[in-house]
Amino acid sequence: MLLKLNPQLQKRLGISTQEIAQFCQCWNITEMALFGSVLSDRFHADSDIDILIRFAPNVRQGLLTLAKIKHELESSMGREVDIAVKESIENSENWIRHQEILKTAQVIYEQR
């Protein structure tokens, strides 16, 4: 399910919601969310985009998969991207980081 993005956020991402959905389906991503400066007034021309993803159950992902996802998103969005896997954040021992990311993340794609 694609969630509607406000025009400013759509411009910051540089790709359409349809492209996001296709990308997520291709990589078995069931949820994609944004966090960090892309959601605030702190975002500027050389900011990266922080993306939180959740994979479908039983999908194996490793560093190579994450590197490919990062590269493809950077090519599509035209800027640096940082990827975080939601399960890793949820299980993180860094409680402050865990809370901040999960509390502020804005879901932009969710598979139903």
PDB file of N, CA and C in Angstrom:
ATOM      1  N   MET A   1       0.841  -1.165   0.000  1.00  0.00           N
ATOM      2  CA  MET A   1       0.000   0.000   0.000  1.00  0.00           C
ATOM      3  C   MET A   1       0.894   1.238   0.000  1.00  0.00           C
ATOM      4  N   LEU A   2       0.668   2.075  -0.967  1.00  0.00           N
ATOM      5  CA  LEU A   2       1.415   3.330  -1.041  1.00  0.00           C
ATOM      6  C   LEU A   2       0.727   4.382  -0.202  1.00  0.00           C
ATOM      7  N   LEU A   3       1.500   5.124   0.521  1.00  0.00           N
ATOM      8  CA  LEU A   3       0.948   6.220   1.284  1.00  0.00           C
ATOM      9  C   LEU A   3       1.236   7.514   0.542  1.00  0.00           C
ATOM     10  N   LYS A   4       0.303   8.417   0.580  1.00  0.00           N
ATOM     11  CA  LYS A   4       0.460   9.681  -0.136  1.00  0.00           C
ATOM     12  C   LYS A   4       1.538  10.530   0.544  1.00  0.00           C
ATOM     13  N   LEU A   5       2.424  11.065  -0.274  1.00  0.00           N
ATOM     14  CA  LEU A   5       3.493  11.923   0.231  1.00  0.00           C
ATOM     15  C   LEU A   5       3.157  13.374  -0.056  1.00  0.00           C
ATOM     16  N   ASN A   6       3.523  14.254   0.868  1.00  0.00           N
ATOM     17  CA  ASN A   6       3.323  15.669   0.570  1.00  0.00           C
ATOM     18  C   ASN A   6       4.317  16.079  -0.514  1.00  0.00           C
ATOM     19  N   PRO A   7       3.981  17.105  -1.291  1.00  0.00           N
ATOM     20  CA  PRO A   7       4.830  17.497  -2.432  1.00  0.00           C
ATOM     21  C   PRO A   7       6.279  17.810  -2.051  1.00  0.00           C
ATOM     22  N   GLN A   8       6.491  18.422  -0.901  1.00  0.00           N
ATOM     23  CA  GLN A   8       7.858  18.754  -0.486  1.00  0.00           C
ATOM     24  C   GLN A   8       8.675  17.481  -0.243  1.00  0.00           C
ATOM     25  N   LEU A   9       8.083  16.510   0.422  1.00  0.00           N
ATOM     26  CA  LEU A   9       8.776  15.250   0.680  1.00  0.00           C
ATOM     27  C   LEU A   9       9.012  14.487  -0.619  1.00  0.00           C
ATOM     28  N   GLN A  10       8.034  14.501  -1.502  1.00  0.00           N
ATOM     29  CA  GLN A  10       8.169  13.846  -2.808  1.00  0.00           C
ATOM     30  C   GLN A  10       9.355  14.445  -3.571  1.00  0.00           C
ATOM     31  N   LYS A  11       9.483  15.763  -3.522  1.00  0.00           N
ATOM     32  CA  LYS A  11      10.591  16.442  -4.207  1.00  0.00           C
ATOM     33  C   LYS A  11      11.939  16.063  -3.580  1.00  0.00           C
ATOM     34  N   ARG A  12      11.981  15.969  -2.265  1.00  0.00           N
ATOM     35  CA  ARG A  12      13.226  15.599  -1.582  1.00  0.00           C
ATOM     36  C   ARG A  12      13.681  14.196  -1.963  1.00  0.00           C
ATOM     37  N   LEU A  13      12.729  13.280  -2.132  1.00  0.00           N
ATOM     38  CA  LEU A  13      13.073  11.901  -2.484  1.00  0.00           C
ATOM     39  C   LEU A  13      13.519  11.777  -3.932  1.00  0.00           C
ATOM     40  N   GLY A  14      12.918  12.553  -4.811  1.00  0.00           N
ATOM     41  CA  GLY A  14      13.317  12.526  -6.216  1.00  0.00           C
ATOM     42  C   GLY A  14      12.792  11.344  -7.004  1.00  0.00           C
ATOM     43  N   ILE A  15      11.909  10.539  -6.411  1.00  0.00           N
ATOM     44  CA  ILE A  15      11.292   9.423  -7.132  1.00  0.00           C
ATOM     45  C   ILE A  15       9.803   9.378  -6.798  1.00  0.00           C
ATOM     46  N   SER A  16       9.042   8.770  -7.673  1.00  0.00           N
ATOM     47  CA  SER A  16       7.588   8.717  -7.493  1.00  0.00           C
ATOM     48  C   SER A  16       7.188   7.624  -6.509  1.00  0.00           C
ATOM     49  N   THR A  17       5.974   7.724  -6.022  1.00  0.00           N
ATOM     50  CA  THR A  17       5.462   6.692  -5.122  1.00  0.00           C
ATOM     51  C   THR A  17       5.345   5.354  -5.845  1.00  0.00           C
ATOM     52  N   GLN A  18       5.068   5.388  -7.136  1.00  0.00           N
ATOM     53  CA  GLN A  18       5.001   4.147  -7.913  1.00  0.00           C
ATOM     54  C   GLN A  18       6.374   3.481  -7.985  1.00  0.00           C
ATOM     55  N   GLU A  19       7.414   4.284  -8.165  1.00  0.00           N
ATOM     56  CA  GLU A  19       8.779   3.743  -8.189  1.00  0.00           C
ATOM     57  C   GLU A  19       9.150   3.140  -6.835  1.00  0.00           C
ATOM     58  N   ILE A  20       8.701   3.779  -5.765  1.00  0.00           N
ATOM     59  CA  ILE A  20       8.955   3.249  -4.423  1.00  0.00           C
ATOM     60  C   ILE A  20       8.290   1.887  -4.274  1.00  0.00           C
ATOM     61  N   ALA A  21       7.036   1.779  -4.691  1.00  0.00           N
ATOM     62  CA  ALA A  21       6.298   0.510  -4.587  1.00  0.00           C
ATOM     63  C   ALA A  21       6.975  -0.583  -5.405  1.00  0.00           C
ATOM     64  N   GLN A  22       7.372  -0.266  -6.625  1.00  0.00           N
ATOM     65  CA  GLN A  22       8.038  -1.253  -7.476  1.00  0.00           C
ATOM     66  C   GLN A  22       9.355  -1.705  -6.853  1.00  0.00           C
ATOM     67  N   PHE A  23      10.105  -0.760  -6.333  1.00  0.00           N
ATOM     68  CA  PHE A  23      11.378  -1.061  -5.690  1.00  0.00           C
ATOM     69  C   PHE A  23      11.169  -2.008  -4.505  1.00  0.00           C
ATOM     70  N   CYS A  24      10.208  -1.676  -3.655  1.00  0.00           N
ATOM     71  CA  CYS A  24       9.938  -2.495  -2.468  1.00  0.00           C
ATOM     72  C   CYS A  24       9.492  -3.901  -2.849  1.00  0.00           C
ATOM     73  N   GLN A  25       8.646  -4.013  -3.847  1.00  0.00           N
ATOM     74  CA  GLN A  25       8.180  -5.325  -4.290  1.00  0.00           C
ATOM     75  C   GLN A  25       9.334  -6.147  -4.855  1.00  0.00           C
ATOM     76  N   CYS A  26      10.204  -5.511  -5.608  1.00  0.00           N
ATOM     77  CA  CYS A  26      11.361  -6.191  -6.202  1.00  0.00           C
ATOM     78  C   CYS A  26      12.291  -6.768  -5.129  1.00  0.00           C
ATOM     79  N   TRP A  27      12.483  -6.036  -4.039  1.00  0.00           N
ATOM     80  CA  TRP A  27      13.421  -6.436  -2.989  1.00  0.00           C
ATOM     81  C   TRP A  27      12.745  -7.121  -1.804  1.00  0.00           C
ATOM     82  N   ASN A  28      11.464  -7.466  -1.919  1.00  0.00           N
ATOM     83  CA  ASN A  28      10.721  -8.117  -0.820  1.00  0.00           C
ATOM     84  C   ASN A  28      10.722  -7.280   0.454  1.00  0.00           C
ATOM     85  N   ILE A  29      10.585  -5.971   0.275  1.00  0.00           N
ATOM     86  CA  ILE A  29      10.494  -5.044   1.402  1.00  0.00           C
ATOM     87  C   ILE A  29       9.010  -4.844   1.693  1.00  0.00           C
ATOM     88  N   THR A  30       8.603  -5.128   2.923  1.00  0.00           N
ATOM     89  CA  THR A  30       7.186  -5.002   3.273  1.00  0.00           C
ATOM     90  C   THR A  30       6.855  -3.653   3.888  1.00  0.00           C
ATOM     91  N   GLU A  31       7.880  -2.936   4.335  1.00  0.00           N
ATOM     92  CA  GLU A  31       7.655  -1.606   4.901  1.00  0.00           C
ATOM     93  C   GLU A  31       8.880  -0.744   4.641  1.00  0.00           C
ATOM     94  N   MET A  32       8.625   0.490   4.218  1.00  0.00           N
ATOM     95  CA  MET A  32       9.697   1.465   4.048  1.00  0.00           C
ATOM     96  C   MET A  32       9.255   2.739   4.749  1.00  0.00           C
ATOM     97  N   ALA A  33      10.150   3.289   5.556  1.00  0.00           N
ATOM     98  CA  ALA A  33       9.855   4.518   6.282  1.00  0.00           C
ATOM     99  C   ALA A  33      11.055   5.454   6.192  1.00  0.00           C
ATOM    100  N   LEU A  34      10.788   6.715   6.388  1.00  0.00           N
ATOM    101  CA  LEU A  34      11.834   7.734   6.410  1.00  0.00           C
ATOM    102  C   LEU A  34      12.010   8.221   7.840  1.00  0.00           C
ATOM    103  N   PHE A  35      13.229   8.615   8.180  1.00  0.00           N
ATOM    104  CA  PHE A  35      13.486   9.242   9.473  1.00  0.00           C
ATOM    105  C   PHE A  35      14.634  10.221   9.293  1.00  0.00           C
ATOM    106  N   GLY A  36      14.872  11.014  10.299  1.00  0.00           N
ATOM    107  CA  GLY A  36      15.985  11.951  10.241  1.00  0.00           C
ATOM    108  C   GLY A  36      15.641  13.260   9.560  1.00  0.00           C
ATOM    109  N   SER A  37      16.668  13.916   9.034  1.00  0.00           N
ATOM    110  CA  SER A  37      16.528  15.285   8.526  1.00  0.00           C
ATOM    111  C   SER A  37      15.605  15.418   7.326  1.00  0.00           C
ATOM    112  N   VAL A  38      15.401  14.350   6.554  1.00  0.00           N
ATOM    113  CA  VAL A  38      14.521  14.435   5.384  1.00  0.00           C
ATOM    114  C   VAL A  38      13.104  14.844   5.788  1.00  0.00           C
ATOM    115  N   LEU A  39      12.742  14.616   7.035  1.00  0.00           N
ATOM    116  CA  LEU A  39      11.404  14.947   7.525  1.00  0.00           C
ATOM    117  C   LEU A  39      11.339  16.314   8.192  1.00  0.00           C
ATOM    118  N   SER A  40      12.447  17.039   8.193  1.00  0.00           N
ATOM    119  CA  SER A  40      12.476  18.298   8.944  1.00  0.00           C
ATOM    120  C   SER A  40      13.067  19.449   8.134  1.00  0.00           C
ATOM    121  N   ASP A  41      13.089  20.599   8.774  1.00  0.00           N
ATOM    122  CA  ASP A  41      13.681  21.796   8.165  1.00  0.00           C
ATOM    123  C   ASP A  41      15.205  21.726   8.132  1.00  0.00           C
ATOM    124  N   ARG A  42      15.795  20.729   8.771  1.00  0.00           N
ATOM    125  CA  ARG A  42      17.254  20.564   8.760  1.00  0.00           C
ATOM    126  C   ARG A  42      17.755  19.985   7.442  1.00  0.00           C
ATOM    127  N   PHE A  43      16.849  19.515   6.587  1.00  0.00           N
ATOM    128  CA  PHE A  43      17.224  18.909   5.310  1.00  0.00           C
ATOM    129  C   PHE A  43      17.752  19.986   4.369  1.00  0.00           C
ATOM    130  N   HIS A  44      18.895  19.716   3.718  1.00  0.00           N
ATOM    131  CA  HIS A  44      19.465  20.680   2.770  1.00  0.00           C
ATOM    132  C   HIS A  44      20.036  19.936   1.569  1.00  0.00           C
ATOM    133  N   ALA A  45      20.613  20.656   0.656  1.00  0.00           N
ATOM    134  CA  ALA A  45      21.035  20.103  -0.635  1.00  0.00           C
ATOM    135  C   ALA A  45      21.995  18.917  -0.522  1.00  0.00           C
ATOM    136  N   ASP A  46      22.857  18.906   0.485  1.00  0.00           N
ATOM    137  CA  ASP A  46      23.806  17.795   0.590  1.00  0.00           C
ATOM    138  C   ASP A  46      23.453  16.799   1.704  1.00  0.00           C
ATOM    139  N   SER A  47      22.225  16.856   2.190  1.00  0.00           N
ATOM    140  CA  SER A  47      21.772  15.892   3.203  1.00  0.00           C
ATOM    141  C   SER A  47      21.596  14.508   2.592  1.00  0.00           C
ATOM    142  N   ASP A  48      21.824  13.504   3.411  1.00  0.00           N
ATOM    143  CA  ASP A  48      21.493  12.151   2.974  1.00  0.00           C
ATOM    144  C   ASP A  48      20.031  11.871   3.339  1.00  0.00           C
ATOM    145  N   ILE A  49      19.541  10.723   2.904  1.00  0.00           N
ATOM    146  CA  ILE A  49      18.179  10.312   3.234  1.00  0.00           C
ATOM    147  C   ILE A  49      18.276   9.047   4.070  1.00  0.00           C
ATOM    148  N   ASP A  50      17.683   9.089   5.261  1.00  0.00           N
ATOM    149  CA  ASP A  50      17.680   7.943   6.166  1.00  0.00           C
ATOM    150  C   ASP A  50      16.421   7.128   5.924  1.00  0.00           C
ATOM    151  N   ILE A  51      16.607   5.843   5.623  1.00  0.00           N
ATOM    152  CA  ILE A  51      15.496   4.965   5.270  1.00  0.00           C
ATOM    153  C   ILE A  51      15.502   3.739   6.174  1.00  0.00           C
ATOM    154  N   LEU A  52      14.330   3.435   6.701  1.00  0.00           N
ATOM    155  CA  LEU A  52      14.118   2.271   7.547  1.00  0.00           C
ATOM    156  C   LEU A  52      13.312   1.256   6.747  1.00  0.00           C
ATOM    157  N   ILE A  53      13.797   0.027   6.662  1.00  0.00           N
ATOM    158  CA  ILE A  53      13.089  -0.988   5.879  1.00  0.00           C
ATOM    159  C   ILE A  53      12.825  -2.234   6.719  1.00  0.00           C
ATOM    160  N   ARG A  54      11.751  -2.920   6.349  1.00  0.00           N
ATOM    161  CA  ARG A  54      11.433  -4.226   6.933  1.00  0.00           C
ATOM    162  C   ARG A  54      11.252  -5.189   5.768  1.00  0.00           C
ATOM    163  N   PHE A  55      11.928  -6.325   5.853  1.00  0.00           N
ATOM    164  CA  PHE A  55      11.811  -7.351   4.820  1.00  0.00           C
ATOM    165  C   PHE A  55      10.655  -8.290   5.133  1.00  0.00           C
ATOM    166  N   ALA A  56      10.167  -8.948   4.090  1.00  0.00           N
ATOM    167  CA  ALA A  56       9.146  -9.979   4.262  1.00  0.00           C
ATOM    168  C   ALA A  56       9.705 -11.081   5.163  1.00  0.00           C
ATOM    169  N   PRO A  57       8.828 -11.748   5.926  1.00  0.00           N
ATOM    170  CA  PRO A  57       9.300 -12.845   6.777  1.00  0.00           C
ATOM    171  C   PRO A  57      10.023 -13.906   5.946  1.00  0.00           C
ATOM    172  N   ASN A  58      11.026 -14.489   6.534  1.00  0.00           N
ATOM    173  CA  ASN A  58      11.802 -15.571   5.914  1.00  0.00           C
ATOM    174  C   ASN A  58      12.626 -15.134   4.705  1.00  0.00           C
ATOM    175  N   VAL A  59      12.774 -13.838   4.493  1.00  0.00           N
ATOM    176  CA  VAL A  59      13.639 -13.346   3.418  1.00  0.00           C
ATOM    177  C   VAL A  59      15.028 -13.146   4.012  1.00  0.00           C
ATOM    178  N   ARG A  60      15.994 -13.795   3.400  1.00  0.00           N
ATOM    179  CA  ARG A  60      17.376 -13.671   3.868  1.00  0.00           C
ATOM    180  C   ARG A  60      17.989 -12.403   3.281  1.00  0.00           C
ATOM    181  N   GLN A  61      18.555 -11.604   4.141  1.00  0.00           N
ATOM    182  CA  GLN A  61      19.260 -10.428   3.659  1.00  0.00           C
ATOM    183  C   GLN A  61      20.595 -10.357   4.371  1.00  0.00           C
ATOM    184  N   GLY A  62      21.587 -10.010   3.610  1.00  0.00           N
ATOM    185  CA  GLY A  62      22.922  -9.877   4.169  1.00  0.00           C
ATOM    186  C   GLY A  62      23.504  -8.539   3.763  1.00  0.00           C
ATOM    187  N   LEU A  63      24.769  -8.372   4.040  1.00  0.00           N
ATOM    188  CA  LEU A  63      25.429  -7.104   3.722  1.00  0.00           C
ATOM    189  C   LEU A  63      25.431  -6.819   2.227  1.00  0.00           C
ATOM    190  N   LEU A  64      25.588  -7.843   1.414  1.00  0.00           N
ATOM    191  CA  LEU A  64      25.591  -7.644  -0.035  1.00  0.00           C
ATOM    192  C   LEU A  64      24.230  -7.139  -0.513  1.00  0.00           C
ATOM    193  N   THR A  65      23.164  -7.723  -0.001  1.00  0.00           N
ATOM    194  CA  THR A  65      21.813  -7.275  -0.358  1.00  0.00           C
ATOM    195  C   THR A  65      21.604  -5.829   0.057  1.00  0.00           C
ATOM    196  N   LEU A  66      21.984  -5.491   1.281  1.00  0.00           N
ATOM    197  CA  LEU A  66      21.824  -4.115   1.760  1.00  0.00           C
ATOM    198  C   LEU A  66      22.662  -3.140   0.937  1.00  0.00           C
ATOM    199  N   ALA A  67      23.858  -3.545   0.534  1.00  0.00           N
ATOM    200  CA  ALA A  67      24.706  -2.690  -0.306  1.00  0.00           C
ATOM    201  C   ALA A  67      24.058  -2.452  -1.667  1.00  0.00           C
ATOM    202  N   LYS A  68      23.458  -3.491  -2.238  1.00  0.00           N
ATOM    203  CA  LYS A  68      22.776  -3.338  -3.528  1.00  0.00           C
ATOM    204  C   LYS A  68      21.558  -2.431  -3.401  1.00  0.00           C
ATOM    205  N   ILE A  69      20.787  -2.603  -2.331  1.00  0.00           N
ATOM    206  CA  ILE A  69      19.620  -1.750  -2.090  1.00  0.00           C
ATOM    207  C   ILE A  69      20.064  -0.297  -1.948  1.00  0.00           C
ATOM    208  N   LYS A  70      21.108  -0.073  -1.155  1.00  0.00           N
ATOM    209  CA  LYS A  70      21.633   1.283  -0.947  1.00  0.00           C
ATOM    210  C   LYS A  70      22.066   1.902  -2.273  1.00  0.00           C
ATOM    211  N   HIS A  71      22.813   1.153  -3.060  1.00  0.00           N
ATOM    212  CA  HIS A  71      23.301   1.656  -4.347  1.00  0.00           C
ATOM    213  C   HIS A  71      22.140   2.001  -5.283  1.00  0.00           C
ATOM    214  N   GLU A  72      21.163   1.129  -5.359  1.00  0.00           N
ATOM    215  CA  GLU A  72      20.022   1.372  -6.249  1.00  0.00           C
ATOM    216  C   GLU A  72      19.220   2.598  -5.807  1.00  0.00           C
ATOM    217  N   LEU A  73      19.008   2.746  -4.506  1.00  0.00           N
ATOM    218  CA  LEU A  73      18.285   3.921  -4.011  1.00  0.00           C
ATOM    219  C   LEU A  73      19.079   5.202  -4.254  1.00  0.00           C
ATOM    220  N   GLU A  74      20.384   5.159  -4.037  1.00  0.00           N
ATOM    221  CA  GLU A  74      21.214   6.346  -4.276  1.00  0.00           C
ATOM    222  C   GLU A  74      21.174   6.744  -5.746  1.00  0.00           C
ATOM    223  N   SER A  75      21.198   5.773  -6.633  1.00  0.00           N
ATOM    224  CA  SER A  75      21.118   6.067  -8.069  1.00  0.00           C
ATOM    225  C   SER A  75      19.772   6.686  -8.419  1.00  0.00           C
ATOM    226  N   SER A  76      18.713   6.147  -7.857  1.00  0.00           N
ATOM    227  CA  SER A  76      17.364   6.638  -8.155  1.00  0.00           C
ATOM    228  C   SER A  76      17.103   8.011  -7.550  1.00  0.00           C
ATOM    229  N   MET A  77      17.588   8.227  -6.331  1.00  0.00           N
ATOM    230  CA  MET A  77      17.293   9.466  -5.613  1.00  0.00           C
ATOM    231  C   MET A  77      18.313  10.567  -5.867  1.00  0.00           C
ATOM    232  N   GLY A  78      19.464  10.205  -6.401  1.00  0.00           N
ATOM    233  CA  GLY A  78      20.473  11.206  -6.713  1.00  0.00           C
ATOM    234  C   GLY A  78      21.166  11.794  -5.500  1.00  0.00           C
ATOM    235  N   ARG A  79      21.193  11.059  -4.419  1.00  0.00           N
ATOM    236  CA  ARG A  79      21.891  11.515  -3.211  1.00  0.00           C
ATOM    237  C   ARG A  79      22.231  10.320  -2.341  1.00  0.00           C
ATOM    238  N   GLU A  80      23.078  10.535  -1.340  1.00  0.00           N
ATOM    239  CA  GLU A  80      23.477   9.448  -0.446  1.00  0.00           C
ATOM    240  C   GLU A  80      22.288   8.990   0.396  1.00  0.00           C
ATOM    241  N   VAL A  81      22.243   7.683   0.639  1.00  0.00           N
ATOM    242  CA  VAL A  81      21.160   7.072   1.404  1.00  0.00           C
ATOM    243  C   VAL A  81      21.772   6.224   2.515  1.00  0.00           C
ATOM    244  N   ASP A  82      21.194   6.304   3.698  1.00  0.00           N
ATOM    245  CA  ASP A  82      21.562   5.409   4.796  1.00  0.00           C
ATOM    246  C   ASP A  82      20.390   4.471   5.032  1.00  0.00           C
ATOM    247  N   ILE A  83      20.681   3.175   5.104  1.00  0.00           N
ATOM    248  CA  ILE A  83      19.655   2.149   5.277  1.00  0.00           C
ATOM    249  C   ILE A  83      19.751   1.569   6.685  1.00  0.00           C
ATOM    250  N   ALA A  84      18.612   1.440   7.336  1.00  0.00           N
ATOM    251  CA  ALA A  84      18.532   0.728   8.612  1.00  0.00           C
ATOM    252  C   ALA A  84      17.438  -0.322   8.484  1.00  0.00           C
ATOM    253  N   VAL A  85      17.697  -1.504   9.017  1.00  0.00           N
ATOM    254  CA  VAL A  85      16.703  -2.578   8.994  1.00  0.00           C
ATOM    255  C   VAL A  85      15.908  -2.500  10.299  1.00  0.00           C
ATOM    256  N   LYS A  86      14.593  -2.456  10.164  1.00  0.00           N
ATOM    257  CA  LYS A  86      13.728  -2.222  11.323  1.00  0.00           C
ATOM    258  C   LYS A  86      13.948  -3.242  12.437  1.00  0.00           C
ATOM    259  N   GLU A  87      14.109  -4.502  12.091  1.00  0.00           N
ATOM    260  CA  GLU A  87      14.323  -5.527  13.109  1.00  0.00           C
ATOM    261  C   GLU A  87      15.598  -5.257  13.907  1.00  0.00           C
ATOM    262  N   SER A  88      16.625  -4.766  13.242  1.00  0.00           N
ATOM    263  CA  SER A  88      17.881  -4.446  13.931  1.00  0.00           C
ATOM    264  C   SER A  88      17.692  -3.284  14.893  1.00  0.00           C
ATOM    265  N   ILE A  89      16.939  -2.284  14.465  1.00  0.00           N
ATOM    266  CA  ILE A  89      16.672  -1.131  15.329  1.00  0.00           C
ATOM    267  C   ILE A  89      15.828  -1.564  16.526  1.00  0.00           C
ATOM    268  N   GLU A  90      14.800  -2.375  16.273  1.00  0.00           N
ATOM    269  CA  GLU A  90      13.926  -2.842  17.360  1.00  0.00           C
ATOM    270  C   GLU A  90      14.694  -3.655  18.397  1.00  0.00           C
ATOM    271  N   ASN A  91      15.725  -4.369  17.958  1.00  0.00           N
ATOM    272  CA  ASN A  91      16.513  -5.212  18.860  1.00  0.00           C
ATOM    273  C   ASN A  91      17.783  -4.535  19.367  1.00  0.00           C
ATOM    274  N   SER A  92      17.953  -3.275  19.023  1.00  0.00           N
ATOM    275  CA  SER A  92      19.159  -2.545  19.400  1.00  0.00           C
ATOM    276  C   SER A  92      19.234  -2.331  20.911  1.00  0.00           C
ATOM    277  N   GLU A  93      20.440  -2.426  21.431  1.00  0.00           N
ATOM    278  CA  GLU A  93      20.652  -2.134  22.849  1.00  0.00           C
ATOM    279  C   GLU A  93      20.757  -0.636  23.098  1.00  0.00           C
ATOM    280  N   ASN A  94      20.884   0.138  22.030  1.00  0.00           N
ATOM    281  CA  ASN A  94      20.938   1.595  22.156  1.00  0.00           C
ATOM    282  C   ASN A  94      19.504   2.115  22.232  1.00  0.00           C
ATOM    283  N   TRP A  95      18.966   2.171  23.431  1.00  0.00           N
ATOM    284  CA  TRP A  95      17.565   2.505  23.653  1.00  0.00           C
ATOM    285  C   TRP A  95      17.206   3.895  23.127  1.00  0.00           C
ATOM    286  N   ILE A  96      18.085   4.860  23.297  1.00  0.00           N
ATOM    287  CA  ILE A  96      17.800   6.229  22.854  1.00  0.00           C
ATOM    288  C   ILE A  96      17.665   6.267  21.333  1.00  0.00           C
ATOM    289  N   ARG A  97      18.603   5.662  20.631  1.00  0.00           N
ATOM    290  CA  ARG A  97      18.530   5.617  19.158  1.00  0.00           C
ATOM    291  C   ARG A  97      17.280   4.858  18.717  1.00  0.00           C
ATOM    292  N   HIS A  98      17.032   3.731  19.344  1.00  0.00           N
ATOM    293  CA  HIS A  98      15.866   2.898  19.060  1.00  0.00           C
ATOM    294  C   HIS A  98      14.584   3.728  19.161  1.00  0.00           C
ATOM    295  N   GLN A  99      14.415   4.411  20.286  1.00  0.00           N
ATOM    296  CA  GLN A  99      13.205   5.212  20.513  1.00  0.00           C
ATOM    297  C   GLN A  99      13.082   6.358  19.513  1.00  0.00           C
ATOM    298  N   GLU A 100      14.169   7.060  19.279  1.00  0.00           N
ATOM    299  CA  GLU A 100      14.137   8.224  18.387  1.00  0.00           C
ATOM    300  C   GLU A 100      13.754   7.826  16.970  1.00  0.00           C
ATOM    301  N   ILE A 101      14.356   6.786  16.447  1.00  0.00           N
ATOM    302  CA  ILE A 101      14.059   6.359  15.078  1.00  0.00           C
ATOM    303  C   ILE A 101      12.633   5.858  14.963  1.00  0.00           C
ATOM    304  N   LEU A 102      12.233   4.952  15.847  1.00  0.00           N
ATOM    305  CA  LEU A 102      10.896   4.364  15.740  1.00  0.00           C
ATOM    306  C   LEU A 102       9.794   5.378  16.031  1.00  0.00           C
ATOM    307  N   LYS A 103      10.066   6.340  16.902  1.00  0.00           N
ATOM    308  CA  LYS A 103       9.067   7.354  17.253  1.00  0.00           C
ATOM    309  C   LYS A 103       8.846   8.347  16.112  1.00  0.00           C
ATOM    310  N   THR A 104       9.903   8.662  15.382  1.00  0.00           N
ATOM    311  CA  THR A 104       9.799   9.713  14.365  1.00  0.00           C
ATOM    312  C   THR A 104       9.625   9.195  12.940  1.00  0.00           C
ATOM    313  N   ALA A 105       9.840   7.908  12.724  1.00  0.00           N
ATOM    314  CA  ALA A 105       9.783   7.359  11.360  1.00  0.00           C
ATOM    315  C   ALA A 105       8.400   7.562  10.738  1.00  0.00           C
ATOM    316  N   GLN A 106       8.414   7.939   9.463  1.00  0.00           N
ATOM    317  CA  GLN A 106       7.177   8.128   8.699  1.00  0.00           C
ATOM    318  C   GLN A 106       7.123   7.068   7.602  1.00  0.00           C
ATOM    319  N   VAL A 107       6.150   6.181   7.699  1.00  0.00           N
ATOM    320  CA  VAL A 107       6.002   5.097   6.729  1.00  0.00           C
ATOM    321  C   VAL A 107       5.555   5.672   5.388  1.00  0.00           C
ATOM    322  N   ILE A 108       6.261   5.269   4.312  1.00  0.00           N
ATOM    323  CA  ILE A 108       5.889   5.720   2.966  1.00  0.00           C
ATOM    324  C   ILE A 108       5.434   4.569   2.080  1.00  0.00           C
ATOM    325  N   TYR A 109       5.682   3.324   2.529  1.00  0.00           N
ATOM    326  CA  TYR A 109       5.207   2.144   1.798  1.00  0.00           C
ATOM    327  C   TYR A 109       4.968   1.038   2.811  1.00  0.00           C
ATOM    328  N   GLU A 110       3.849   0.345   2.641  1.00  0.00           N
ATOM    329  CA  GLU A 110       3.543  -0.790   3.504  1.00  0.00           C
ATOM    330  C   GLU A 110       2.773  -1.818   2.703  1.00  0.00           C
ATOM    331  N   GLN A 111       3.280  -3.039   2.699  1.00  0.00           N
ATOM    332  CA  GLN A 111       2.601  -4.119   1.991  1.00  0.00           C
ATOM    333  C   GLN A 111       1.529  -4.684   2.904  1.00  0.00           C
ATOM    334  N   ARG A 112       0.346  -4.834   2.373  1.00  0.00           N
ATOM    335  CA  ARG A 112      -0.774  -5.375   3.172  1.00  0.00           C
ATOM    336  C   ARG A 112      -1.025  -6.805   2.830  1.00  0.00           C
TER     337      ARG A 112
END
